[in-house]
Amino acid sequence: MTPPSLRPLSSTTWAWVHDSTAWGYSNCGLIASNGQALLVDTQFTLPATRTLLDAIHTAVPGVEITTVVNSHANGDHTWGNQLVAGADIISSAASAEHLCHEMGPEQLAALCKDEPSTPVTAYAARHFGVFSFDGVIVVPPTSTFTGRKEVNVGRETVELIDLGPGHSAGDVAVHVPDDGVVFTGDAVFNGAHMVVWSDSLSACLTVCDTLLATGATTFVPGHGPITDRAGVVQIRDSLARVREAATEFAAAGVELADAACLVMAGHAGNLAHPERLYTAVAATYREAGVAGVPSGTFALVEGMAQAAMAWSTGTTNMSR
């Protein structure tokens, strides 16, 4: 795997980018001006966050990170918060409220160490077993907002956008108007299917339109390569096709697990993690009013794990 790097987007804006679509390897952002800096997200582990901070201080010697914006509460974007001591950590009010529902580092580590005797434990070990969460203390936001909020970073003005539910219960995008750059967090996945934790695929489509409405030309996704406006449109349209197919299956009374297999067979394409489409189908079924749809992190991981097993064994090629 190619190591992550801090890539300049302008004289004051950088993107910390992993050339990987694997679970846990998230992108970050940096805006620095006049000795001050705003960091968009931290990393999954303490060593990974230290590597990020070392790269920042090499690129911008003497800079002080005064603000951290957490795009949402997932650990791969927040579990390095403790290493940015003294910074104001900002998230949306909805994200902060949802923090108590997140799986903690001890829970995830224990899940990865369990005997891989079930689809969930095998899936967790395969995707998260490579990470060590030793020493991680979950640090919550120190301030929250709703709607939009401007933050001054030296001479730069940065706009925080409360996107509402989408990938998570309350996503935040960071817009740098002077540079035409938006750090999207996991409102956008590039090169891999997105996870829909929020129970609303429709909201994910709305979020894409909100991001495009900024007029930005460069979008740094939460995972995967940097993209442009056409890339965001393509991602939105792909999600719309998934929603259309899943809505039809819901109306026809197709069981959720079967519908997920059908959607994977028809819409996986060449993107990584087709099993994540289970979460998009589940969200669509919930929006369609189907009873008994699983919700919550563990239930959705279980559904993804079973879908991954079906995909690997070729049992997704079902007929209606």
C-alpha atoms as a PDB file:
ATOM      1  CA  MET A   1       0.000   0.000   0.000  1.00  0.00           C
ATOM      2  CA  THR A   2       1.332   3.445  -0.926  1.00  0.00           C
ATOM      3  CA  PRO A   3       1.900   5.603   2.178  1.00  0.00           C
ATOM      4  CA  PRO A   4      -0.414   8.605   2.587  1.00  0.00           C
ATOM      5  CA  SER A   5       0.894  12.027   1.641  1.00  0.00           C
ATOM      6  CA  LEU A   6       0.116  15.677   2.283  1.00  0.00           C
ATOM      7  CA  ARG A   7      -0.743  17.122  -1.124  1.00  0.00           C
ATOM      8  CA  PRO A   8      -0.886  20.890  -1.696  1.00  0.00           C
ATOM      9  CA  LEU A   9      -4.090  22.175  -3.289  1.00  0.00           C
ATOM     10  CA  SER A  10      -3.159  25.866  -2.947  1.00  0.00           C
ATOM     11  CA  SER A  11      -0.694  27.975  -0.983  1.00  0.00           C
ATOM     12  CA  THR A  12      -2.869  27.540   2.139  1.00  0.00           C
ATOM     13  CA  THR A  13      -4.748  24.270   1.624  1.00  0.00           C
ATOM     14  CA  TRP A  14      -3.550  20.666   1.682  1.00  0.00           C
ATOM     15  CA  ALA A  15      -5.161  17.222   1.510  1.00  0.00           C
ATOM     16  CA  TRP A  16      -3.877  14.216   3.442  1.00  0.00           C
ATOM     17  CA  VAL A  17      -4.706  11.408   1.024  1.00  0.00           C
ATOM     18  CA  HIS A  18      -4.513   7.634   1.208  1.00  0.00           C
ATOM     19  CA  ASP A  19      -4.407   5.882  -2.141  1.00  0.00           C
ATOM     20  CA  SER A  20      -6.555   3.160  -0.655  1.00  0.00           C
ATOM     21  CA  THR A  21     -10.251   2.366  -0.506  1.00  0.00           C
ATOM     22  CA  ALA A  22      -9.798  -0.111   2.357  1.00  0.00           C
ATOM     23  CA  TRP A  23     -11.716   0.375   5.581  1.00  0.00           C
ATOM     24  CA  GLY A  24     -10.048   2.707   8.067  1.00  0.00           C
ATOM     25  CA  TYR A  25      -7.737   4.702   5.794  1.00  0.00           C
ATOM     26  CA  SER A  26      -9.391   8.106   5.777  1.00  0.00           C
ATOM     27  CA  ASN A  27      -8.419  11.373   4.116  1.00  0.00           C
ATOM     28  CA  CYS A  28      -7.931  14.616   6.052  1.00  0.00           C
ATOM     29  CA  GLY A  29      -7.577  18.306   5.213  1.00  0.00           C
ATOM     30  CA  LEU A  30      -5.457  21.228   6.336  1.00  0.00           C
ATOM     31  CA  ILE A  31      -5.983  24.973   5.964  1.00  0.00           C
ATOM     32  CA  ALA A  32      -3.079  27.073   7.295  1.00  0.00           C
ATOM     33  CA  SER A  33      -2.514  30.833   7.294  1.00  0.00           C
ATOM     34  CA  ASN A  34      -0.494  33.253   9.440  1.00  0.00           C
ATOM     35  CA  GLY A  35       0.711  30.547  11.793  1.00  0.00           C
ATOM     36  CA  GLN A  36      -2.769  29.129  12.462  1.00  0.00           C
ATOM     37  CA  ALA A  37      -4.263  25.936  11.075  1.00  0.00           C
ATOM     38  CA  LEU A  38      -7.583  24.133  10.846  1.00  0.00           C
ATOM     39  CA  LEU A  39      -7.380  20.353  10.579  1.00  0.00           C
ATOM     40  CA  VAL A  40     -10.223  18.427   8.985  1.00  0.00           C
ATOM     41  CA  ASP A  41     -10.448  15.100  10.849  1.00  0.00           C
ATOM     42  CA  THR A  42      -7.794  12.989  12.530  1.00  0.00           C
ATOM     43  CA  GLN A  43      -6.906   9.352  11.903  1.00  0.00           C
ATOM     44  CA  PHE A  44      -8.026   5.926  13.104  1.00  0.00           C
ATOM     45  CA  THR A  45      -5.036   5.233  15.358  1.00  0.00           C
ATOM     46  CA  LEU A  46      -2.545   7.258  17.372  1.00  0.00           C
ATOM     47  CA  PRO A  47       0.495   6.268  15.232  1.00  0.00           C
ATOM     48  CA  ALA A  48      -1.378   7.224  12.037  1.00  0.00           C
ATOM     49  CA  THR A  49      -2.344  10.582  13.541  1.00  0.00           C
ATOM     50  CA  ARG A  50       1.249  11.236  14.647  1.00  0.00           C
ATOM     51  CA  THR A  51       2.405  10.563  11.077  1.00  0.00           C
ATOM     52  CA  LEU A  52      -0.155  13.088   9.835  1.00  0.00           C
ATOM     53  CA  LEU A  53       0.910  15.717  12.381  1.00  0.00           C
ATOM     54  CA  ASP A  54       4.582  15.199  11.588  1.00  0.00           C
ATOM     55  CA  ALA A  55       3.849  15.765   7.889  1.00  0.00           C
ATOM     56  CA  ILE A  56       1.949  18.957   8.711  1.00  0.00           C
ATOM     57  CA  HIS A  57       4.756  20.413  10.804  1.00  0.00           C
ATOM     58  CA  THR A  58       7.270  19.546   8.098  1.00  0.00           C
ATOM     59  CA  ALA A  59       5.182  21.251   5.415  1.00  0.00           C
ATOM     60  CA  VAL A  60       4.206  24.250   7.568  1.00  0.00           C
ATOM     61  CA  PRO A  61       6.900  24.728  10.229  1.00  0.00           C
ATOM     62  CA  GLY A  62       5.740  26.439  13.427  1.00  0.00           C
ATOM     63  CA  VAL A  63       2.051  26.240  12.596  1.00  0.00           C
ATOM     64  CA  GLU A  64      -0.399  25.838  15.490  1.00  0.00           C
ATOM     65  CA  ILE A  65      -3.492  23.719  14.926  1.00  0.00           C
ATOM     66  CA  THR A  66      -6.115  25.852  16.662  1.00  0.00           C
ATOM     67  CA  THR A  67      -9.197  24.105  15.268  1.00  0.00           C
ATOM     68  CA  VAL A  68     -10.130  20.530  14.393  1.00  0.00           C
ATOM     69  CA  VAL A  69     -13.332  19.871  12.473  1.00  0.00           C
ATOM     70  CA  ASN A  70     -14.663  16.335  12.766  1.00  0.00           C
ATOM     71  CA  SER A  71     -16.708  15.598   9.667  1.00  0.00           C
ATOM     72  CA  HIS A  72     -18.605  12.938  11.637  1.00  0.00           C
ATOM     73  CA  ALA A  73     -18.160  10.701  14.659  1.00  0.00           C
ATOM     74  CA  ASN A  74     -16.746   7.512  13.111  1.00  0.00           C
ATOM     75  CA  GLY A  75     -13.471   6.439  14.708  1.00  0.00           C
ATOM     76  CA  ASP A  76     -11.414   6.539  11.526  1.00  0.00           C
ATOM     77  CA  HIS A  77     -12.007  10.311  11.479  1.00  0.00           C
ATOM     78  CA  THR A  78     -11.835  11.087  15.203  1.00  0.00           C
ATOM     79  CA  TRP A  79      -9.760   8.642  17.249  1.00  0.00           C
ATOM     80  CA  GLY A  80      -6.645  10.786  16.944  1.00  0.00           C
ATOM     81  CA  ASN A  81      -8.327  13.846  18.485  1.00  0.00           C
ATOM     82  CA  GLN A  82      -6.428  13.478  21.755  1.00  0.00           C
ATOM     83  CA  LEU A  83      -3.154  14.316  19.991  1.00  0.00           C
ATOM     84  CA  VAL A  84      -4.314  17.819  19.042  1.00  0.00           C
ATOM     85  CA  ALA A  85      -4.350  19.150  22.590  1.00  0.00           C
ATOM     86  CA  GLY A  86      -5.820  22.606  23.094  1.00  0.00           C
ATOM     87  CA  ALA A  87      -7.584  22.794  19.749  1.00  0.00           C
ATOM     88  CA  ASP A  88     -11.271  23.621  19.517  1.00  0.00           C
ATOM     89  CA  ILE A  89     -12.864  20.428  18.166  1.00  0.00           C
ATOM     90  CA  ILE A  90     -15.997  21.249  16.183  1.00  0.00           C
ATOM     91  CA  SER A  91     -18.707  18.971  14.832  1.00  0.00           C
ATOM     92  CA  SER A  92     -22.364  19.274  13.994  1.00  0.00           C
ATOM     93  CA  ALA A  93     -24.788  19.064  16.904  1.00  0.00           C
ATOM     94  CA  ALA A  94     -26.358  15.954  15.356  1.00  0.00           C
ATOM     95  CA  SER A  95     -23.005  14.201  15.093  1.00  0.00           C
ATOM     96  CA  ALA A  96     -22.118  14.996  18.702  1.00  0.00           C
ATOM     97  CA  GLU A  97     -25.502  13.747  19.891  1.00  0.00           C
ATOM     98  CA  HIS A  98     -24.990  10.475  18.001  1.00  0.00           C
ATOM     99  CA  LEU A  99     -21.525   9.869  19.487  1.00  0.00           C
ATOM    100  CA  CYS A 100     -22.943   7.673  22.254  1.00  0.00           C
ATOM    101  CA  HIS A 101     -24.169   5.201  19.603  1.00  0.00           C
ATOM    102  CA  GLU A 102     -20.707   4.746  18.072  1.00  0.00           C
ATOM    103  CA  MET A 103     -18.688   1.571  18.607  1.00  0.00           C
ATOM    104  CA  GLY A 104     -15.703   2.425  20.809  1.00  0.00           C
ATOM    105  CA  PRO A 105     -12.079   1.337  20.289  1.00  0.00           C
ATOM    106  CA  GLU A 106     -12.288  -1.331  23.002  1.00  0.00           C
ATOM    107  CA  GLN A 107     -15.420  -2.827  21.425  1.00  0.00           C
ATOM    108  CA  LEU A 108     -13.916  -2.875  17.952  1.00  0.00           C
ATOM    109  CA  ALA A 109     -10.627  -4.354  19.171  1.00  0.00           C
ATOM    110  CA  ALA A 110     -12.502  -7.070  21.071  1.00  0.00           C
ATOM    111  CA  LEU A 111     -14.633  -7.858  18.033  1.00  0.00           C
ATOM    112  CA  CYS A 112     -11.521  -8.257  15.878  1.00  0.00           C
ATOM    113  CA  LYS A 113      -9.960 -10.623  18.424  1.00  0.00           C
ATOM    114  CA  ASP A 114     -13.002 -12.881  18.664  1.00  0.00           C
ATOM    115  CA  GLU A 115     -12.772 -16.267  17.027  1.00  0.00           C
ATOM    116  CA  PRO A 116     -13.876 -15.635  13.407  1.00  0.00           C
ATOM    117  CA  SER A 117     -16.706 -18.129  13.736  1.00  0.00           C
ATOM    118  CA  THR A 118     -19.464 -15.836  12.469  1.00  0.00           C
ATOM    119  CA  PRO A 119     -19.710 -13.608   9.391  1.00  0.00           C
ATOM    120  CA  VAL A 120     -19.428 -10.504  11.622  1.00  0.00           C
ATOM    121  CA  THR A 121     -16.290 -11.555  13.502  1.00  0.00           C
ATOM    122  CA  ALA A 122     -14.645 -12.779  10.299  1.00  0.00           C
ATOM    123  CA  TYR A 123     -15.514  -9.527   8.529  1.00  0.00           C
ATOM    124  CA  ALA A 124     -14.247  -7.390  11.418  1.00  0.00           C
ATOM    125  CA  ALA A 125     -10.985  -9.314  11.684  1.00  0.00           C
ATOM    126  CA  ARG A 126     -10.379  -9.113   7.945  1.00  0.00           C
ATOM    127  CA  HIS A 127     -10.926  -5.356   7.670  1.00  0.00           C
ATOM    128  CA  PHE A 128      -9.962  -3.984  11.087  1.00  0.00           C
ATOM    129  CA  GLY A 129      -7.609  -6.576  12.529  1.00  0.00           C
ATOM    130  CA  VAL A 130      -4.592  -4.764  11.047  1.00  0.00           C
ATOM    131  CA  PHE A 131      -5.164  -1.731  13.293  1.00  0.00           C
ATOM    132  CA  SER A 132      -4.061  -1.255  16.887  1.00  0.00           C
ATOM    133  CA  PHE A 133      -6.205   1.038  19.004  1.00  0.00           C
ATOM    134  CA  ASP A 134      -3.865   0.979  21.983  1.00  0.00           C
ATOM    135  CA  GLY A 135      -4.013   4.190  23.993  1.00  0.00           C
ATOM    136  CA  VAL A 136      -6.970   5.689  22.129  1.00  0.00           C
ATOM    137  CA  ILE A 137      -9.177   7.872  24.293  1.00  0.00           C
ATOM    138  CA  VAL A 138     -12.321   9.044  22.541  1.00  0.00           C
ATOM    139  CA  VAL A 139     -12.323  12.853  22.718  1.00  0.00           C
ATOM    140  CA  PRO A 140     -15.702  14.425  21.919  1.00  0.00           C
ATOM    141  CA  PRO A 141     -16.243  17.816  20.292  1.00  0.00           C
ATOM    142  CA  THR A 142     -15.671  20.916  22.393  1.00  0.00           C
ATOM    143  CA  SER A 143     -18.208  22.915  20.358  1.00  0.00           C
ATOM    144  CA  THR A 144     -21.006  22.198  17.924  1.00  0.00           C
ATOM    145  CA  PHE A 145     -23.091  24.083  15.384  1.00  0.00           C
ATOM    146  CA  THR A 146     -26.117  23.744  13.137  1.00  0.00           C
ATOM    147  CA  GLY A 147     -26.621  25.187   9.679  1.00  0.00           C
ATOM    148  CA  ARG A 148     -23.465  26.994   8.576  1.00  0.00           C
ATOM    149  CA  LYS A 149     -20.555  28.466  10.455  1.00  0.00           C
ATOM    150  CA  GLU A 150     -17.597  30.603   9.363  1.00  0.00           C
ATOM    151  CA  VAL A 151     -14.189  30.054  10.933  1.00  0.00           C
ATOM    152  CA  ASN A 152     -11.257  32.409  10.380  1.00  0.00           C
ATOM    153  CA  VAL A 153      -7.870  30.751   9.986  1.00  0.00           C
ATOM    154  CA  GLY A 154      -5.328  33.534   9.750  1.00  0.00           C
ATOM    155  CA  ARG A 155      -6.379  35.429   6.630  1.00  0.00           C
ATOM    156  CA  GLU A 156      -8.485  32.545   5.299  1.00  0.00           C
ATOM    157  CA  THR A 157     -12.228  32.218   5.855  1.00  0.00           C
ATOM    158  CA  VAL A 158     -13.479  28.659   5.993  1.00  0.00           C
ATOM    159  CA  GLU A 159     -17.150  27.691   5.799  1.00  0.00           C
ATOM    160  CA  LEU A 160     -18.448  24.718   7.772  1.00  0.00           C
ATOM    161  CA  ILE A 161     -21.596  23.163   6.330  1.00  0.00           C
ATOM    162  CA  ASP A 162     -23.916  21.040   8.451  1.00  0.00           C
ATOM    163  CA  LEU A 163     -25.053  18.545   5.841  1.00  0.00           C
ATOM    164  CA  GLY A 164     -27.523  16.772   8.102  1.00  0.00           C
ATOM    165  CA  PRO A 165     -27.952  12.997   7.843  1.00  0.00           C
ATOM    166  CA  GLY A 166     -26.361  11.164   4.949  1.00  0.00           C
ATOM    167  CA  HIS A 167     -23.467   8.810   5.504  1.00  0.00           C
ATOM    168  CA  SER A 168     -23.898   9.324   9.254  1.00  0.00           C
ATOM    169  CA  ALA A 169     -26.429  10.976  11.535  1.00  0.00           C
ATOM    170  CA  GLY A 170     -24.872  14.403  10.993  1.00  0.00           C
ATOM    171  CA  ASP A 171     -22.135  14.998   8.440  1.00  0.00           C
ATOM    172  CA  VAL A 172     -20.056  18.175   8.090  1.00  0.00           C
ATOM    173  CA  ALA A 173     -18.303  19.491   4.977  1.00  0.00           C
ATOM    174  CA  VAL A 174     -15.501  22.053   5.079  1.00  0.00           C
ATOM    175  CA  HIS A 175     -15.552  24.577   2.232  1.00  0.00           C
ATOM    176  CA  VAL A 176     -12.585  26.801   1.375  1.00  0.00           C
ATOM    177  CA  PRO A 177     -14.266  29.326  -0.957  1.00  0.00           C
ATOM    178  CA  ASP A 178     -11.117  31.138  -2.128  1.00  0.00           C
ATOM    179  CA  ASP A 179      -9.603  27.843  -3.288  1.00  0.00           C
ATOM    180  CA  GLY A 180     -12.762  26.177  -4.637  1.00  0.00           C
ATOM    181  CA  VAL A 181     -12.106  23.192  -2.381  1.00  0.00           C
ATOM    182  CA  VAL A 182     -14.515  21.136  -0.291  1.00  0.00           C
ATOM    183  CA  PHE A 183     -13.464  18.463   2.186  1.00  0.00           C
ATOM    184  CA  THR A 184     -16.517  16.215   2.140  1.00  0.00           C
ATOM    185  CA  GLY A 185     -15.812  13.695   4.873  1.00  0.00           C
ATOM    186  CA  ASP A 186     -17.678  10.477   4.188  1.00  0.00           C
ATOM    187  CA  ALA A 187     -20.513  12.282   2.463  1.00  0.00           C
ATOM    188  CA  VAL A 188     -18.505  11.181  -0.581  1.00  0.00           C
ATOM    189  CA  PHE A 189     -16.622   7.921  -1.107  1.00  0.00           C
ATOM    190  CA  ASN A 190     -14.570   7.737  -4.293  1.00  0.00           C
ATOM    191  CA  GLY A 191     -13.565   4.386  -5.743  1.00  0.00           C
ATOM    192  CA  ALA A 192     -15.666   2.404  -3.267  1.00  0.00           C
ATOM    193  CA  HIS A 193     -19.309   2.036  -2.393  1.00  0.00           C
ATOM    194  CA  MET A 194     -20.401   4.233   0.487  1.00  0.00           C
ATOM    195  CA  VAL A 195     -21.757   3.078   3.824  1.00  0.00           C
ATOM    196  CA  VAL A 196     -25.165   4.509   4.754  1.00  0.00           C
ATOM    197  CA  TRP A 197     -25.397   4.549   8.538  1.00  0.00           C
ATOM    198  CA  SER A 198     -28.137   7.194   8.621  1.00  0.00           C
ATOM    199  CA  ASP A 199     -31.084   5.092   7.361  1.00  0.00           C
ATOM    200  CA  SER A 200     -31.658   7.538   4.474  1.00  0.00           C
ATOM    201  CA  LEU A 201     -30.258   7.063   0.989  1.00  0.00           C
ATOM    202  CA  SER A 202     -32.361  10.005  -0.202  1.00  0.00           C
ATOM    203  CA  ALA A 203     -30.416  12.221   2.195  1.00  0.00           C
ATOM    204  CA  CYS A 204     -27.147  11.054   0.618  1.00  0.00           C
ATOM    205  CA  LEU A 205     -28.382  12.295  -2.767  1.00  0.00           C
ATOM    206  CA  THR A 206     -29.421  15.637  -1.279  1.00  0.00           C
ATOM    207  CA  VAL A 207     -25.990  15.998   0.324  1.00  0.00           C
ATOM    208  CA  CYS A 208     -24.283  15.560  -3.061  1.00  0.00           C
ATOM    209  CA  ASP A 209     -26.412  18.416  -4.440  1.00  0.00           C
ATOM    210  CA  THR A 210     -25.511  20.578  -1.430  1.00  0.00           C
ATOM    211  CA  LEU A 211     -21.806  19.964  -2.049  1.00  0.00           C
ATOM    212  CA  LEU A 212     -22.148  20.833  -5.742  1.00  0.00           C
ATOM    213  CA  ALA A 213     -24.069  24.000  -4.856  1.00  0.00           C
ATOM    214  CA  THR A 214     -20.930  25.409  -3.198  1.00  0.00           C
ATOM    215  CA  GLY A 215     -19.530  25.937  -6.694  1.00  0.00           C
ATOM    216  CA  ALA A 216     -16.287  24.223  -5.666  1.00  0.00           C
ATOM    217  CA  THR A 217     -14.232  22.482  -8.319  1.00  0.00           C
ATOM    218  CA  THR A 218     -12.119  20.191  -6.105  1.00  0.00           C
ATOM    219  CA  PHE A 219     -13.612  17.675  -3.690  1.00  0.00           C
ATOM    220  CA  VAL A 220     -11.571  15.706  -1.185  1.00  0.00           C
ATOM    221  CA  PRO A 221     -13.635  12.641  -0.225  1.00  0.00           C
ATOM    222  CA  GLY A 222     -13.471  10.867   3.095  1.00  0.00           C
ATOM    223  CA  HIS A 223     -11.925   7.882   1.331  1.00  0.00           C
ATOM    224  CA  GLY A 224     -10.350   7.453  -2.078  1.00  0.00           C
ATOM    225  CA  PRO A 225      -8.822   9.798  -4.657  1.00  0.00           C
ATOM    226  CA  ILE A 226      -9.516  13.525  -4.903  1.00  0.00           C
ATOM    227  CA  THR A 227     -12.250  14.234  -7.436  1.00  0.00           C
ATOM    228  CA  ASP A 228     -13.991  17.060  -9.296  1.00  0.00           C
ATOM    229  CA  ARG A 229     -17.557  18.178  -9.956  1.00  0.00           C
ATOM    230  CA  ALA A 230     -18.100  15.513 -12.614  1.00  0.00           C
ATOM    231  CA  GLY A 231     -16.940  12.893 -10.147  1.00  0.00           C
ATOM    232  CA  VAL A 232     -19.464  14.007  -7.514  1.00  0.00           C
ATOM    233  CA  VAL A 233     -22.239  14.014 -10.134  1.00  0.00           C
ATOM    234  CA  GLN A 234     -21.279  10.480 -11.147  1.00  0.00           C
ATOM    235  CA  ILE A 235     -21.339   9.323  -7.517  1.00  0.00           C
ATOM    236  CA  ARG A 236     -24.731  10.973  -6.940  1.00  0.00           C
ATOM    237  CA  ASP A 237     -26.212   9.425 -10.086  1.00  0.00           C
ATOM    238  CA  SER A 238     -24.913   5.986  -9.126  1.00  0.00           C
ATOM    239  CA  LEU A 239     -26.577   6.295  -5.716  1.00  0.00           C
ATOM    240  CA  ALA A 240     -29.794   7.379  -7.431  1.00  0.00           C
ATOM    241  CA  ARG A 241     -29.789   4.231  -9.592  1.00  0.00           C
ATOM    242  CA  VAL A 242     -29.287   2.086  -6.511  1.00  0.00           C
ATOM    243  CA  ARG A 243     -32.170   3.851  -4.777  1.00  0.00           C
ATOM    244  CA  GLU A 244     -34.435   3.355  -7.797  1.00  0.00           C
ATOM    245  CA  ALA A 245     -33.677  -0.366  -7.974  1.00  0.00           C
ATOM    246  CA  ALA A 246     -34.065  -0.893  -4.229  1.00  0.00           C
ATOM    247  CA  THR A 247     -37.366   1.025  -4.204  1.00  0.00           C
ATOM    248  CA  GLU A 248     -38.719  -1.287  -6.895  1.00  0.00           C
ATOM    249  CA  PHE A 249     -37.686  -4.370  -4.917  1.00  0.00           C
ATOM    250  CA  ALA A 250     -39.309  -2.963  -1.782  1.00  0.00           C
ATOM    251  CA  ALA A 251     -42.561  -2.322  -3.645  1.00  0.00           C
ATOM    252  CA  ALA A 252     -42.455  -5.882  -5.026  1.00  0.00           C
ATOM    253  CA  GLY A 253     -42.066  -7.348  -1.545  1.00  0.00           C
ATOM    254  CA  VAL A 254     -38.583  -8.775  -2.118  1.00  0.00           C
ATOM    255  CA  GLU A 255     -36.885  -9.679   1.144  1.00  0.00           C
ATOM    256  CA  LEU A 256     -34.129  -7.261   2.146  1.00  0.00           C
ATOM    257  CA  ALA A 257     -31.270  -9.771   1.977  1.00  0.00           C
ATOM    258  CA  ASP A 258     -32.409 -10.933  -1.464  1.00  0.00           C
ATOM    259  CA  ALA A 259     -32.804  -7.351  -2.670  1.00  0.00           C
ATOM    260  CA  ALA A 260     -29.292  -6.517  -1.478  1.00  0.00           C
ATOM    261  CA  CYS A 261     -27.942  -9.455  -3.485  1.00  0.00           C
ATOM    262  CA  LEU A 262     -29.837  -8.317  -6.565  1.00  0.00           C
ATOM    263  CA  VAL A 263     -28.623  -4.735  -6.220  1.00  0.00           C
ATOM    264  CA  MET A 264     -25.043  -5.923  -5.750  1.00  0.00           C
ATOM    265  CA  ALA A 265     -25.301  -8.065  -8.870  1.00  0.00           C
ATOM    266  CA  GLY A 266     -26.653  -5.151 -10.893  1.00  0.00           C
ATOM    267  CA  HIS A 267     -24.776  -2.175  -9.449  1.00  0.00           C
ATOM    268  CA  ALA A 268     -21.475  -3.302  -7.941  1.00  0.00           C
ATOM    269  CA  GLY A 269     -19.509  -2.242 -11.007  1.00  0.00           C
ATOM    270  CA  ASN A 270     -15.778  -2.005 -10.402  1.00  0.00           C
ATOM    271  CA  LEU A 271     -16.042  -0.167  -7.071  1.00  0.00           C
ATOM    272  CA  ALA A 272     -14.579  -1.677  -3.920  1.00  0.00           C
ATOM    273  CA  HIS A 273     -16.750  -3.137  -1.156  1.00  0.00           C
ATOM    274  CA  PRO A 274     -19.938  -4.044  -3.018  1.00  0.00           C
ATOM    275  CA  GLU A 275     -21.276  -5.489   0.262  1.00  0.00           C
ATOM    276  CA  ARG A 276     -21.780  -1.917   1.471  1.00  0.00           C
ATOM    277  CA  LEU A 277     -24.698  -1.713  -0.927  1.00  0.00           C
ATOM    278  CA  TYR A 278     -26.577  -3.675   1.741  1.00  0.00           C
ATOM    279  CA  THR A 279     -26.680  -0.497   3.829  1.00  0.00           C
ATOM    280  CA  ALA A 280     -28.020   1.546   0.908  1.00  0.00           C
ATOM    281  CA  VAL A 281     -30.758  -1.010   0.250  1.00  0.00           C
ATOM    282  CA  ALA A 282     -31.621  -1.202   3.957  1.00  0.00           C
ATOM    283  CA  ALA A 283     -31.899   2.601   4.082  1.00  0.00           C
ATOM    284  CA  THR A 284     -34.180   2.598   1.047  1.00  0.00           C
ATOM    285  CA  TYR A 285     -36.361  -0.121   2.551  1.00  0.00           C
ATOM    286  CA  ARG A 286     -36.651   1.875   5.767  1.00  0.00           C
ATOM    287  CA  GLU A 287     -37.656   4.981   3.790  1.00  0.00           C
ATOM    288  CA  ALA A 288     -40.221   2.880   1.924  1.00  0.00           C
ATOM    289  CA  GLY A 289     -41.812   1.909   5.238  1.00  0.00           C
ATOM    290  CA  VAL A 290     -40.822  -1.764   5.183  1.00  0.00           C
ATOM    291  CA  ALA A 291     -41.108  -3.220   8.676  1.00  0.00           C
ATOM    292  CA  GLY A 292     -38.268  -4.886  10.552  1.00  0.00           C
ATOM    293  CA  VAL A 293     -35.373  -3.312   8.652  1.00  0.00           C
ATOM    294  CA  PRO A 294     -32.130  -3.598  10.651  1.00  0.00           C
ATOM    295  CA  SER A 295     -30.727  -0.339  11.994  1.00  0.00           C
ATOM    296  CA  GLY A 296     -27.672   0.551  14.024  1.00  0.00           C
ATOM    297  CA  THR A 297     -23.986  -0.151  13.565  1.00  0.00           C
ATOM    298  CA  PHE A 298     -23.826  -3.798  14.595  1.00  0.00           C
ATOM    299  CA  ALA A 299     -26.942  -4.838  12.682  1.00  0.00           C
ATOM    300  CA  LEU A 300     -25.726  -3.148   9.513  1.00  0.00           C
ATOM    301  CA  VAL A 301     -22.240  -4.639   9.853  1.00  0.00           C
ATOM    302  CA  GLU A 302     -23.880  -8.034  10.204  1.00  0.00           C
ATOM    303  CA  GLY A 303     -25.831  -7.422   7.014  1.00  0.00           C
ATOM    304  CA  MET A 304     -22.700  -6.309   5.166  1.00  0.00           C
ATOM    305  CA  ALA A 305     -20.784  -9.339   6.408  1.00  0.00           C
ATOM    306  CA  GLN A 306     -23.465 -11.703   5.151  1.00  0.00           C
ATOM    307  CA  ALA A 307     -23.644  -9.841   1.841  1.00  0.00           C
ATOM    308  CA  ALA A 308     -19.856 -10.098   1.485  1.00  0.00           C
ATOM    309  CA  MET A 309     -20.087 -13.837   2.032  1.00  0.00           C
ATOM    310  CA  ALA A 310     -22.805 -14.098  -0.607  1.00  0.00           C
ATOM    311  CA  TRP A 311     -20.679 -12.046  -3.016  1.00  0.00           C
ATOM    312  CA  SER A 312     -17.575 -14.166  -2.458  1.00  0.00           C
ATOM    313  CA  THR A 313     -19.484 -17.395  -3.029  1.00  0.00           C
ATOM    314  CA  GLY A 314     -21.256 -16.106  -6.127  1.00  0.00           C
ATOM    315  CA  THR A 315     -24.733 -16.386  -4.623  1.00  0.00           C
ATOM    316  CA  THR A 316     -25.665 -12.785  -5.447  1.00  0.00           C
ATOM    317  CA  ASN A 317     -26.653 -13.716  -8.987  1.00  0.00           C
ATOM    318  CA  MET A 318     -30.254 -14.333  -8.047  1.00  0.00           C
ATOM    319  CA  SER A 319     -33.325 -13.945 -10.201  1.00  0.00           C
ATOM    320  CA  ARG A 320     -36.396 -12.098  -9.039  1.00  0.00           C
END
